[in-house]
C-alpha cells in the first residue's frame, strides 16, 4: 500500500497519501506496543526478563509515537508510575541482600533517563557506592604471597580512588562518606598496617586522597598501632614519622608520645623536631641558645685546663687556656635508648656487687673525684634525666675532629676504629681535663677563627677497674671488662707519670655524646 501510494500523483506534497498511511501504521504499532507493555507490568516488577520485555515494548511504543507525531508522554508516564512501587521494592531488596550483579543489570535495562522518573536515584547511588568500595577493598587488601605493594595494585588503587571520588561527589546525605569510613577504618587499616609499610602507606595515601580528615585517619592508625604486636609497633615507630615527613604533615601527638616512651627520651627533648630532621632516624642537633649553659661549658674548659702538663700525644705547643664559643645539643633517640638500657643493666650489676660510687669511695680507692663532675649540679637545670650515681655515670670529655664529631653524634662511637695499640687497649677513651682531650682534636675555621670540637659525654663507668701500672696488660683489661665483673678502666697516669687520668670503656653503649662544644685555643 505504501508503494502504491508512492506511485500515485500527489495533490498535496505536504500531506501525501504515503505519509498519511505511514502515520496511521505507526499509530497502530504504538498502541500495540503500549498494550504489550501494560500486559507485562506485573512481570516487569518481578523479574529481570519481565523488566527487559517491558522496557523494550515501551521504547518501541515511544519510537512509533514519534514517527506518528503523537504526544505519548501521558501514557508512558502512567505505565511507569504503575511500575514504580513493585520495581522499587524489588530493587531495594536486591540492594539489601547484596545481589549487586542483578541490581546492576536491572539499572542498565532501565537506563539513566528512566532512573529519575522511577525514583531509583538512591538505589543507583548506593550501587555506585558499593561498587566503588568493592574496587577499593580489592585494590588495597593484601593477597596471599604479596610482597610490598606491587605496581599492579598501585594502578588498581588509583582507579578505585577515582571511582570513589565520583561516588563522593554526589552524596547529599553523607551515606557514601560514612560507608567509606567504615570500609577504611574497620576493614582496611588493620590488614594493610599488619602486612607491610608499603601497604600501610597505600591505605593512608588513599584515605587522604579521598579527603578523609587527618585527625580521623591518624586516630584510626593509633587504634591499629595499639592492637599490633610489639615488633610491628617498633617498626611503625620508624615508618609513621617517615611517612608524615613525605606527606609534609606533622606527626600525630599520640605517635610522639609513643616515640618518647619507646626510646625513653628525656622530657625536654623535642621529639617532633627529631622526627622531622630528614634523617632516617629520630635525631636532632640543635644549637644551644641558653647563655647560662654556654657559660657553664666555658667554665668547664677553664676549670679543667692544665696547661703545665704535657704528654707524648701533644702535637705542638700546649694552649694556656680555652674558651667555649658555641655548642650543639645532641638528641639521638637510638643511641639514647641503647645507652640507658645498658646503664640500667650496669646499675643492677653494681647493686648486686655493692660497688661504691660516693665521693669518699672515689677519694679512697680511685685517687679522687672526677674533675669534670663539678658541673653535675648546674647541669640539672638543663638536663631532665639526672645522672645515675649507682652506675657511676659521669660527665666526661672526648676530643676529636669535626667530621668525627658529626659521625659519632649521628651514628655512635665506632668500635672498629678503636686502636688496639692504645695504652689501655682498644676502647673509647675519655678524660676529665680539657687539656687531655685537646691533644686529639682537629680544628675547622669558622668566621675567621679556628674552632675545635669537644664531645661532652655521659659515660657509664659502673664497676671501675683501677689500673696504676706503668705497663698495663691490655688483653687482661679487655677481658676483665667484657667477660668479668668490671665495666670500665681508670688508667691513673696521674699517679704513674704525673699527667692525666683516663677513663676507658670497651662497649660503645656505655657512652652517650650529649653535646658538641666548639672552642678556641689561647696561647
Protein backbone atom coordinates (compact mmCIF):
# COMPACT_ATOMS: atom_id res chain seq x y z
CA UNK A 1 0.00 0.00 0.00
CA UNK A 2 2.92 2.36 0.82
CA UNK A 3 4.49 1.54 -2.51
CA UNK A 4 1.26 2.11 -4.44
CA UNK A 5 0.63 5.36 -2.58
CA UNK A 6 4.08 6.49 -3.51
CA UNK A 7 3.38 5.78 -7.19
CA UNK A 8 0.16 7.85 -7.28
CA UNK A 9 0.30 11.56 -8.16
CA UNK A 10 0.31 13.82 -5.05
CA UNK A 11 -2.27 16.52 -4.94
CA UNK A 12 -0.63 17.96 -1.79
CA UNK A 13 3.08 17.37 -1.25
CA UNK A 14 2.86 18.12 2.50
CA UNK A 15 0.19 15.52 3.15
CA UNK A 16 0.87 12.74 0.77
CA UNK A 17 -1.14 9.57 0.85
CA UNK A 18 2.04 7.69 1.65
CA UNK A 19 2.71 9.87 4.70
CA UNK A 20 -0.85 9.58 5.91
CA UNK A 21 -0.74 5.80 5.67
CA UNK A 22 2.60 5.67 7.48
CA UNK A 23 1.31 7.80 10.36
CA UNK A 24 -1.69 5.55 10.73
CA UNK A 25 0.53 2.47 10.67
CA UNK A 26 2.92 3.94 13.32
CA UNK A 27 -0.05 4.89 15.49
CA UNK A 28 -1.32 1.32 15.29
CA UNK A 29 2.12 -0.08 16.18
CA UNK A 30 2.36 2.39 19.07
CA UNK A 31 -0.94 1.17 20.54
CA UNK A 32 0.15 -2.42 20.05
CA UNK A 33 3.43 -1.82 21.91
CA UNK A 34 1.74 0.06 24.76
CA UNK A 35 -0.80 -2.74 25.13
CA UNK A 36 2.04 -5.26 25.33
CA UNK A 37 3.86 -3.14 27.93
CA UNK A 38 0.69 -2.88 30.01
CA UNK A 39 0.28 -6.65 29.94
CA UNK A 40 3.88 -7.04 31.18
CA UNK A 41 3.58 -4.60 34.09
CA UNK A 42 3.31 -7.27 36.77
CA UNK A 43 6.15 -9.40 35.39
CA UNK A 44 8.33 -6.28 34.95
CA UNK A 45 8.19 -5.65 38.70
CA UNK A 46 9.11 -9.26 39.49
CA UNK A 47 11.92 -10.37 37.17
CA UNK A 48 14.76 -9.09 35.05
CA UNK A 49 13.37 -10.76 31.93
CA UNK A 50 9.97 -9.17 32.50
CA UNK A 51 11.58 -5.76 33.07
CA UNK A 52 13.59 -6.06 29.88
CA UNK A 53 10.48 -7.01 27.87
CA UNK A 54 8.51 -4.12 29.38
CA UNK A 55 11.24 -1.56 28.64
CA UNK A 56 11.66 -2.86 25.07
CA UNK A 57 7.90 -2.50 24.46
CA UNK A 58 7.88 0.99 26.00
CA UNK A 59 10.81 2.12 23.86
CA UNK A 60 9.14 0.65 20.74
CA UNK A 61 5.88 2.46 21.54
CA UNK A 62 7.76 5.74 22.01
CA UNK A 63 9.57 5.24 18.71
CA UNK A 64 6.28 4.76 16.79
CA UNK A 65 4.68 7.66 18.68
CA UNK A 66 7.47 9.91 17.50
CA UNK A 67 7.04 8.67 13.93
CA UNK A 68 3.26 9.23 14.14
CA UNK A 69 3.83 12.72 15.62
CA UNK A 70 1.74 11.88 18.68
CA UNK A 71 2.31 13.00 22.27
CA UNK A 72 2.89 9.75 24.13
CA UNK A 73 4.20 11.19 27.40
CA UNK A 74 1.00 10.83 29.46
CA UNK A 75 0.65 7.15 28.55
CA UNK A 76 4.32 6.37 29.18
CA UNK A 77 4.31 8.24 32.50
CA UNK A 78 1.17 6.39 33.55
CA UNK A 79 2.76 3.00 32.89
CA UNK A 80 5.99 3.95 34.69
CA UNK A 81 4.00 5.24 37.64
CA UNK A 82 2.19 1.89 37.85
CA UNK A 83 5.51 0.04 37.67
CA UNK A 84 7.23 2.23 40.25
CA UNK A 85 6.07 0.58 43.53
CA UNK A 86 6.78 -3.06 42.64
CA UNK A 87 10.04 -2.30 40.82
CA UNK A 88 11.26 -0.08 43.65
CA UNK A 89 10.53 -2.82 46.20
CA UNK A 90 12.38 -5.42 44.13
CA UNK A 91 15.49 -3.29 43.52
CA UNK A 92 15.72 -2.18 47.14
CA UNK A 93 15.51 -5.84 48.13
CA UNK A 94 18.33 -6.71 45.72
CA UNK A 95 20.36 -3.95 47.34
CA UNK A 96 19.57 -5.23 50.82
CA UNK A 97 20.61 -8.82 50.11
CA UNK A 98 23.74 -7.71 48.23
CA UNK A 99 22.72 -9.05 44.80
CA UNK A 100 24.70 -6.29 43.13
CA UNK A 101 25.06 -8.07 39.79
CA UNK A 102 21.27 -8.43 39.35
CA UNK A 103 20.77 -4.86 40.54
CA UNK A 104 23.35 -3.52 38.11
CA UNK A 105 21.69 -5.43 35.22
CA UNK A 106 18.27 -4.03 36.12
CA UNK A 107 19.54 -0.45 36.23
CA UNK A 108 21.25 -0.90 32.87
CA UNK A 109 17.94 -2.11 31.39
CA UNK A 110 16.09 0.86 32.84
CA UNK A 111 18.68 3.39 31.65
CA UNK A 112 19.66 6.70 33.18
CA UNK A 113 16.77 8.54 31.55
CA UNK A 114 14.19 6.41 33.41
CA UNK A 115 16.01 6.07 36.77
CA UNK A 116 14.98 9.53 37.98
CA UNK A 117 11.34 9.18 36.87
CA UNK A 118 11.08 5.83 38.66
CA UNK A 119 12.54 7.31 41.87
CA UNK A 120 15.55 4.98 41.78
CA UNK A 121 18.37 7.50 42.03
CA UNK A 122 19.04 6.45 45.64
CA UNK A 123 19.42 2.84 44.50
CA UNK A 124 21.78 3.88 41.73
CA UNK A 125 23.87 5.94 44.16
CA UNK A 126 24.00 3.04 46.62
CA UNK A 127 25.16 0.70 43.85
CA UNK A 128 27.86 3.14 42.72
CA UNK A 129 28.99 3.50 46.31
CA UNK A 130 29.14 -0.25 46.92
CA UNK A 131 30.93 -0.93 43.64
CA UNK A 132 33.47 1.81 44.42
CA UNK A 133 34.07 0.41 47.90
CA UNK A 134 34.44 -3.06 46.42
CA UNK A 135 37.08 -1.78 43.99
CA UNK A 136 38.86 -0.04 46.87
CA UNK A 137 38.89 -3.17 49.01
CA UNK A 138 40.13 -5.37 46.18
CA UNK A 139 42.87 -2.87 45.32
CA UNK A 140 44.19 -2.29 48.84
CA UNK A 141 43.72 -5.61 50.63
CA UNK A 142 46.94 -7.65 50.66
CA UNK A 143 46.67 -11.04 48.96
CA UNK A 144 48.50 -14.25 49.96
CA UNK A 145 52.13 -14.14 48.94
CA UNK A 146 52.10 -10.41 48.28
CA UNK A 147 55.41 -8.64 48.88
CA UNK A 148 55.23 -4.90 49.47
CA UNK A 149 52.67 -3.12 47.30
CA UNK A 150 53.11 -4.12 43.62
CA UNK A 151 52.69 -1.73 40.70
CA UNK A 152 49.55 -3.56 39.52
CA UNK A 153 47.87 -2.87 42.86
CA UNK A 154 49.07 0.72 42.72
CA UNK A 155 47.30 1.22 39.39
CA UNK A 156 44.19 -0.56 40.66
CA UNK A 157 44.17 1.72 43.70
CA UNK A 158 44.35 4.85 41.53
CA UNK A 159 41.33 3.61 39.56
CA UNK A 160 39.43 2.72 42.72
CA UNK A 161 40.13 6.11 44.27
CA UNK A 162 38.82 7.88 41.15
CA UNK A 163 35.63 5.82 41.23
CA UNK A 164 35.18 6.55 44.92
CA UNK A 165 35.70 10.26 44.32
CA UNK A 166 32.86 10.13 41.78
CA UNK A 167 30.60 8.46 44.31
CA UNK A 168 31.50 11.07 46.93
CA UNK A 169 30.84 13.97 44.56
CA UNK A 170 27.08 13.24 44.62
CA UNK A 171 26.48 12.35 48.26
CA UNK A 172 23.98 14.82 49.72
CA UNK A 173 23.12 12.62 52.71
CA UNK A 174 26.70 11.67 53.53
CA UNK A 175 25.98 7.95 53.12
CA UNK A 176 28.96 7.40 50.81
CA UNK A 177 31.47 9.02 53.14
CA UNK A 178 30.05 7.12 56.12
CA UNK A 179 30.43 3.84 54.25
CA UNK A 180 33.94 4.86 53.21
CA UNK A 181 34.91 5.47 56.84
CA UNK A 182 33.70 2.01 57.85
CA UNK A 183 35.49 0.35 54.94
CA UNK A 184 38.78 2.16 55.53
CA UNK A 185 38.99 2.27 59.31
CA UNK A 186 37.37 -1.06 60.16
CA UNK A 187 38.11 -3.14 57.08
CA UNK A 188 41.39 -2.00 55.53
CA UNK A 189 43.64 -0.28 58.06
CA UNK A 190 44.42 -3.33 60.19
CA UNK A 191 45.31 -5.80 57.39
CA UNK A 192 47.29 -3.16 55.50
CA UNK A 193 49.25 -1.96 58.53
CA UNK A 194 49.88 -5.54 59.60
CA UNK A 195 51.10 -6.59 56.15
CA UNK A 196 53.87 -4.11 55.39
CA UNK A 197 54.95 -0.47 55.43
CA UNK A 198 54.16 -0.26 51.71
CA UNK A 199 50.56 -1.44 52.20
CA UNK A 200 50.16 0.88 55.18
CA UNK A 201 51.39 3.80 53.10
CA UNK A 202 48.98 2.90 50.28
CA UNK A 203 45.93 2.89 52.56
CA UNK A 204 46.97 6.15 54.26
CA UNK A 205 47.56 7.84 50.90
CA UNK A 206 44.15 6.64 49.65
CA UNK A 207 42.46 7.99 52.77
CA UNK A 208 43.97 11.44 52.28
CA UNK A 209 43.21 11.48 48.53
CA UNK A 210 39.59 10.78 49.43
CA UNK A 211 39.70 13.78 51.78
CA UNK A 212 39.11 11.92 55.00
CA UNK A 213 40.03 14.25 57.90
CA UNK A 214 43.61 13.99 59.17
CA UNK A 215 42.51 13.60 62.78
CA UNK A 216 40.26 10.66 61.87
CA UNK A 217 42.91 8.94 59.79
CA UNK A 218 45.60 9.16 62.47
CA UNK A 219 43.14 8.16 65.18
CA UNK A 220 42.37 5.00 63.19
CA UNK A 221 46.09 4.43 62.74
CA UNK A 222 46.53 4.73 66.50
CA UNK A 223 43.93 2.00 67.13
CA UNK A 224 45.76 -0.28 64.70
CA UNK A 225 49.07 0.55 66.37
CA UNK A 226 47.71 -0.38 69.79
CA UNK A 227 46.49 -3.75 68.51
CA UNK A 228 49.79 -4.59 66.79
CA UNK A 229 52.44 -6.89 68.24
CA UNK A 230 55.50 -5.30 69.85
CA UNK A 231 57.79 -5.91 66.87
CA UNK A 232 55.37 -4.29 64.45
CA UNK A 233 54.87 -1.35 66.83
CA UNK A 234 58.61 -0.79 66.83
CA UNK A 235 58.65 -0.84 63.01
CA UNK A 236 55.71 1.58 62.83
CA UNK A 237 57.55 3.97 65.15
CA UNK A 238 60.08 4.35 62.36
CA UNK A 239 57.65 4.19 59.45
CA UNK A 240 54.97 6.67 60.56
CA UNK A 241 57.35 9.62 61.17
CA UNK A 242 58.94 8.96 57.76
CA UNK A 243 55.50 8.84 56.15
CA UNK A 244 54.47 12.11 57.81
CA UNK A 245 57.64 13.71 56.54
CA UNK A 246 56.96 12.54 52.98
CA UNK A 247 53.39 13.89 53.23
CA UNK A 248 54.59 17.19 54.77
CA UNK A 249 52.30 16.58 57.70
CA UNK A 250 53.00 16.95 61.41
CA UNK A 251 53.49 13.73 63.33
CA UNK A 252 50.36 12.95 65.36
CA UNK A 253 50.66 13.68 69.08
CA UNK A 254 49.99 10.07 70.07
CA UNK A 255 52.95 8.90 67.97
CA UNK A 256 55.22 11.48 69.59
CA UNK A 257 54.16 10.09 72.97
CA UNK A 258 54.86 6.52 71.82
CA UNK A 259 58.28 7.52 70.49
CA UNK A 260 59.16 9.20 73.76
CA UNK A 261 58.10 6.12 75.70
CA UNK A 262 59.70 3.62 73.32
CA UNK A 263 63.11 5.32 73.37
CA UNK A 264 62.78 6.52 77.00
CA UNK A 265 63.57 10.03 75.85
CA UNK A 266 64.16 12.87 78.32
CA UNK A 267 61.20 15.19 78.83
CA UNK A 268 62.98 18.25 77.47
CA UNK A 269 63.84 16.64 74.12
CA UNK A 270 61.83 17.96 71.17
CA UNK A 271 60.58 14.73 69.62
CA UNK A 272 58.78 16.49 66.77
CA UNK A 273 61.96 18.19 65.54
CA UNK A 274 63.87 14.91 65.93
CA UNK A 275 61.35 13.10 63.73
CA UNK A 276 61.32 15.85 61.08
CA UNK A 277 65.10 16.14 60.82
CA UNK A 278 65.27 14.47 57.39
CA UNK A 279 67.38 11.59 58.68
CA UNK A 280 66.05 8.04 58.70
CA UNK A 281 66.17 8.08 62.50
CA UNK A 282 65.00 10.17 65.42
CA UNK A 283 67.76 12.72 65.55
CA UNK A 284 68.15 16.43 66.11
CA UNK A 285 71.18 18.61 66.65
CA UNK A 286 70.10 21.98 68.00
CA UNK A 287 72.29 24.99 68.77
CA UNK A 288 72.49 25.82 72.47
CA UNK A 289 70.83 29.21 72.97
CA UNK A 290 70.84 29.43 76.76
CA UNK A 291 73.69 31.77 77.76
CA UNK A 292 73.85 30.14 81.20
CA UNK A 293 74.65 26.75 79.65
CA UNK A 294 77.27 28.24 77.34
CA UNK A 295 78.82 29.98 80.35
CA UNK A 296 78.87 26.66 82.22
CA UNK A 297 80.68 25.00 79.31
CA UNK A 298 83.18 27.84 79.20
CA UNK A 299 83.76 27.42 82.92
CA UNK A 300 84.26 23.66 82.39
CA UNK A 301 87.06 24.37 79.92
CA UNK A 302 88.73 26.98 82.08
CA UNK A 303 88.46 24.96 85.31
CA UNK A 304 89.78 21.67 83.92
CA UNK A 305 92.59 23.24 81.87
CA UNK A 306 96.06 22.11 82.97
CA UNK A 307 98.43 23.84 80.54
CA UNK A 308 101.52 22.90 82.55
CA UNK A 309 101.02 19.16 81.80
CA UNK A 310 102.30 17.79 78.51
CA UNK A 311 102.18 14.21 77.23
CA UNK A 312 103.70 12.44 74.24
CA UNK A 313 100.34 12.73 72.46
CA UNK A 314 100.57 16.54 72.33
CA UNK A 315 101.39 17.95 68.89
CA UNK A 316 102.85 21.43 69.03
CA UNK A 317 102.76 23.77 71.99
CA UNK A 318 100.13 23.37 74.70
CA UNK A 319 97.43 26.07 74.88
CA UNK A 320 97.34 28.09 78.09
CA UNK A 321 93.56 28.46 78.11
CA UNK A 322 90.38 27.59 76.22
CA UNK A 323 87.13 29.47 75.54
CA UNK A 324 83.77 27.98 74.57
CA UNK A 325 82.28 29.73 71.52
CA UNK A 326 79.17 27.73 70.72
CA UNK A 327 77.61 24.37 71.48
CA UNK A 328 75.17 21.90 69.94
CA UNK A 329 72.82 19.65 71.88
CA UNK A 330 72.54 16.09 70.55
CA UNK A 331 69.18 14.32 70.66
CA UNK A 332 69.75 10.87 69.17
CA UNK A 333 66.92 8.50 70.11
CA UNK A 334 68.51 5.22 69.02
CA UNK A 335 71.78 5.89 70.80
CA UNK A 336 69.99 7.12 73.90
CA UNK A 337 67.79 4.02 74.01
CA UNK A 338 70.75 1.64 73.89
CA UNK A 339 72.68 3.78 76.35
CA UNK A 340 70.01 3.89 79.08
CA UNK A 341 69.28 0.20 78.64
CA UNK A 342 72.94 -0.67 79.17
CA UNK A 343 73.21 1.86 82.01
CA UNK A 344 70.30 0.24 83.83
CA UNK A 345 71.86 -3.20 83.40
CA UNK A 346 75.13 -1.92 84.84
CA UNK A 347 73.33 -0.22 87.73
CA UNK A 348 71.67 -3.53 88.67
CA UNK A 349 75.02 -5.34 88.49
CA UNK A 350 76.62 -2.65 90.65
CA UNK A 351 73.91 -3.04 93.28
CA UNK A 352 74.49 -6.79 93.32
CA UNK A 353 78.26 -6.28 93.66
CA UNK A 354 77.79 -3.44 96.17
CA UNK A 355 80.03 -1.18 94.08
CA UNK A 356 81.00 2.11 95.69
CA UNK A 357 80.01 5.32 93.97
CA UNK A 358 80.09 8.14 96.54
CA UNK A 359 82.81 10.84 96.64
CA UNK A 360 84.54 9.21 99.61
CA UNK A 361 84.85 5.92 97.70
CA UNK A 362 86.42 7.76 94.78
CA UNK A 363 88.84 9.55 97.12
CA UNK A 364 89.91 6.41 98.90
CA UNK A 365 90.01 3.94 96.02
CA UNK A 366 90.39 5.73 92.72
CA UNK A 367 92.65 8.70 93.51
CA UNK A 368 90.00 11.40 93.82
CA UNK A 369 86.72 12.56 92.36
CA UNK A 370 86.27 13.15 88.64
CA UNK A 371 87.34 16.75 87.95
CA UNK A 372 84.74 17.37 85.22
CA UNK A 373 81.91 16.37 87.55
CA UNK A 374 81.82 19.77 89.25
CA UNK A 375 79.21 20.73 86.61
CA UNK A 376 76.80 17.99 87.76
CA UNK A 377 74.57 20.15 89.94
CA UNK A 378 74.46 23.04 87.47
CA UNK A 379 73.60 20.66 84.61
CA UNK A 380 70.41 19.62 86.36
CA UNK A 381 68.81 22.87 85.23
CA UNK A 382 69.36 21.85 81.61
CA UNK A 383 69.10 18.03 81.66
CA UNK A 384 65.87 16.43 82.84
CA UNK A 385 67.40 12.95 83.05
CA UNK A 386 69.77 13.07 86.07
CA UNK A 387 72.98 11.09 86.22
CA UNK A 388 72.63 7.67 87.80
CA UNK A 389 75.21 7.69 90.55
CA UNK A 390 74.74 3.98 91.35
CA UNK A 391 76.12 3.20 87.89
CA UNK A 392 78.97 5.71 88.36
CA UNK A 393 77.58 7.74 85.47
CA UNK A 394 79.84 10.72 84.79
CA UNK A 395 80.23 13.81 82.63
CA UNK A 396 83.48 13.19 80.70
CA UNK A 397 85.29 14.73 77.72
CA UNK A 398 86.31 13.30 74.34
CA UNK A 399 88.36 15.30 71.84
CA UNK A 400 88.03 14.53 68.14
CA UNK A 401 87.86 16.02 64.64
CA UNK A 402 84.87 17.97 63.25
CA UNK A 403 83.95 15.13 60.86
CA UNK A 404 84.26 12.51 63.59
CA UNK A 405 82.17 14.63 65.95
CA UNK A 406 79.38 14.72 63.37
CA UNK A 407 79.68 10.99 62.68
CA UNK A 408 79.74 9.95 66.35
CA UNK A 409 76.73 12.08 67.24
CA UNK A 410 74.79 10.86 64.20
CA UNK A 411 75.66 7.19 64.47
CA UNK A 412 77.70 6.23 67.55
CA UNK A 413 81.23 5.57 68.71
CA UNK A 414 82.64 3.18 66.12
CA UNK A 415 84.42 0.40 67.99
CA UNK A 416 86.05 -0.78 64.75
CA UNK A 417 88.12 2.41 64.93
CA UNK A 418 89.25 1.73 68.48
CA UNK A 419 93.04 1.46 68.47
CA UNK A 420 94.14 -1.89 69.92
CA UNK A 421 97.62 -0.40 70.30
CA UNK A 422 96.34 2.23 72.73
CA UNK A 423 97.93 2.20 76.18
CA UNK A 424 94.87 0.52 77.68
CA UNK A 425 93.81 -1.44 74.60
CA UNK A 426 91.07 -0.97 72.03
CA UNK A 427 88.40 1.05 73.80
CA UNK A 428 86.81 4.51 73.81
CA UNK A 429 88.93 6.94 75.83
CA UNK A 430 87.60 9.84 77.90
CA UNK A 431 89.22 12.49 80.05
CA UNK A 432 88.32 14.79 82.91
CA UNK A 433 90.54 17.62 81.65
CA UNK A 434 90.18 19.72 78.52
CA UNK A 435 93.98 19.74 78.27
CA UNK A 436 94.00 15.96 77.77
CA UNK A 437 91.02 15.92 75.36
CA UNK A 438 92.57 18.79 73.37
CA UNK A 439 95.51 16.58 72.42
CA UNK A 440 93.30 14.67 69.97
CA UNK A 441 91.22 17.42 68.35
CA UNK A 442 91.39 18.88 64.86
CA UNK A 443 90.22 22.38 64.04
CA UNK A 444 87.94 23.97 61.49
CA UNK A 445 87.92 27.65 60.50
CA UNK A 446 84.61 29.45 61.05
CA UNK A 447 84.20 33.19 60.73
CA UNK A 448 87.93 33.76 60.63
CA UNK A 449 88.75 31.79 63.78
CA UNK A 450 89.76 28.18 64.29
CA UNK A 451 87.29 26.16 66.35
CA UNK A 452 87.88 22.76 67.89
CA UNK A 453 85.14 20.19 68.72
CA UNK A 454 84.83 18.63 72.16
CA UNK A 455 82.25 15.97 72.96
CA UNK A 456 80.72 16.29 76.41
CA UNK A 457 79.53 12.76 77.10
CA UNK A 458 77.53 10.87 79.65
CA UNK A 459 79.66 7.80 80.39
CA UNK A 460 78.56 4.83 82.48
CA UNK A 461 81.69 3.62 84.27
CA UNK A 462 79.95 1.12 86.55
CA UNK A 463 82.36 -1.12 88.43
CA UNK A 464 85.68 0.60 87.73
CA UNK A 465 88.89 -1.39 87.45
CA UNK A 466 91.66 0.81 88.79
CA UNK A 467 94.92 0.46 86.86
CA UNK A 468 98.07 2.19 88.12
CA UNK A 469 100.51 0.07 86.19
CA UNK A 470 103.09 1.79 84.01
CA UNK A 471 102.79 -1.11 81.52
CA UNK A 472 99.11 -2.14 81.53
CA UNK A 473 98.09 -5.63 80.42
CA UNK A 474 95.82 -4.63 77.50
CA UNK A 475 94.37 -8.08 76.91
CA UNK A 476 93.76 -8.53 80.62
CA UNK A 477 91.95 -5.18 80.91
CA UNK A 478 89.74 -6.02 77.93
CA UNK A 479 88.98 -9.46 79.37
CA UNK A 480 88.05 -8.03 82.76
CA UNK A 481 85.58 -5.53 81.27
CA UNK A 482 83.98 -7.78 78.68
CA UNK A 483 83.93 -11.13 80.48
CA UNK A 484 84.23 -10.41 84.20
CA UNK A 485 82.56 -8.14 86.74
CA UNK A 486 84.16 -4.85 85.71
CA UNK A 487 82.67 -2.32 83.29
CA UNK A 488 85.46 0.22 82.72
CA UNK A 489 89.11 1.01 83.40
CA UNK A 490 90.54 4.04 85.16
CA UNK A 491 94.10 4.38 83.90
CA UNK A 492 95.85 6.51 86.50
CA UNK A 493 98.66 8.15 84.56
CA UNK A 494 98.44 10.99 87.06
CA UNK A 495 99.85 8.64 89.66
CA UNK A 496 102.36 6.84 87.46
CA UNK A 497 103.54 9.69 85.24
CA UNK A 498 102.16 12.91 86.68
CA UNK A 499 99.93 13.56 83.65
CA UNK A 500 96.22 12.73 83.38
CA UNK A 501 93.78 10.08 84.48
CA UNK A 502 91.99 8.36 81.58
CA UNK A 503 88.64 6.54 81.59
CA UNK A 504 88.15 3.71 79.12
CA UNK A 505 85.04 1.73 78.17
CA UNK A 506 85.10 -1.19 75.76
CA UNK A 507 81.39 -1.11 74.93
CA UNK A 508 80.14 1.88 72.92
CA UNK A 509 76.70 1.52 74.54
CA UNK A 510 78.25 2.85 77.74
CA UNK A 511 78.75 6.35 76.34
CA UNK A 512 76.32 8.94 75.03
CA UNK A 513 77.63 12.14 73.39
CA UNK A 514 75.23 14.78 74.71
CA UNK A 515 76.85 18.00 73.44
CA UNK A 516 79.44 19.20 70.96
CA UNK A 517 81.28 22.18 72.43
CA UNK A 518 83.22 24.24 69.91
CA UNK A 519 86.05 26.20 71.50
CA UNK A 520 89.12 28.28 70.71
CA UNK A 521 92.65 27.88 72.00
CA UNK A 522 94.56 30.66 73.69
CA UNK A 523 98.37 30.53 73.75
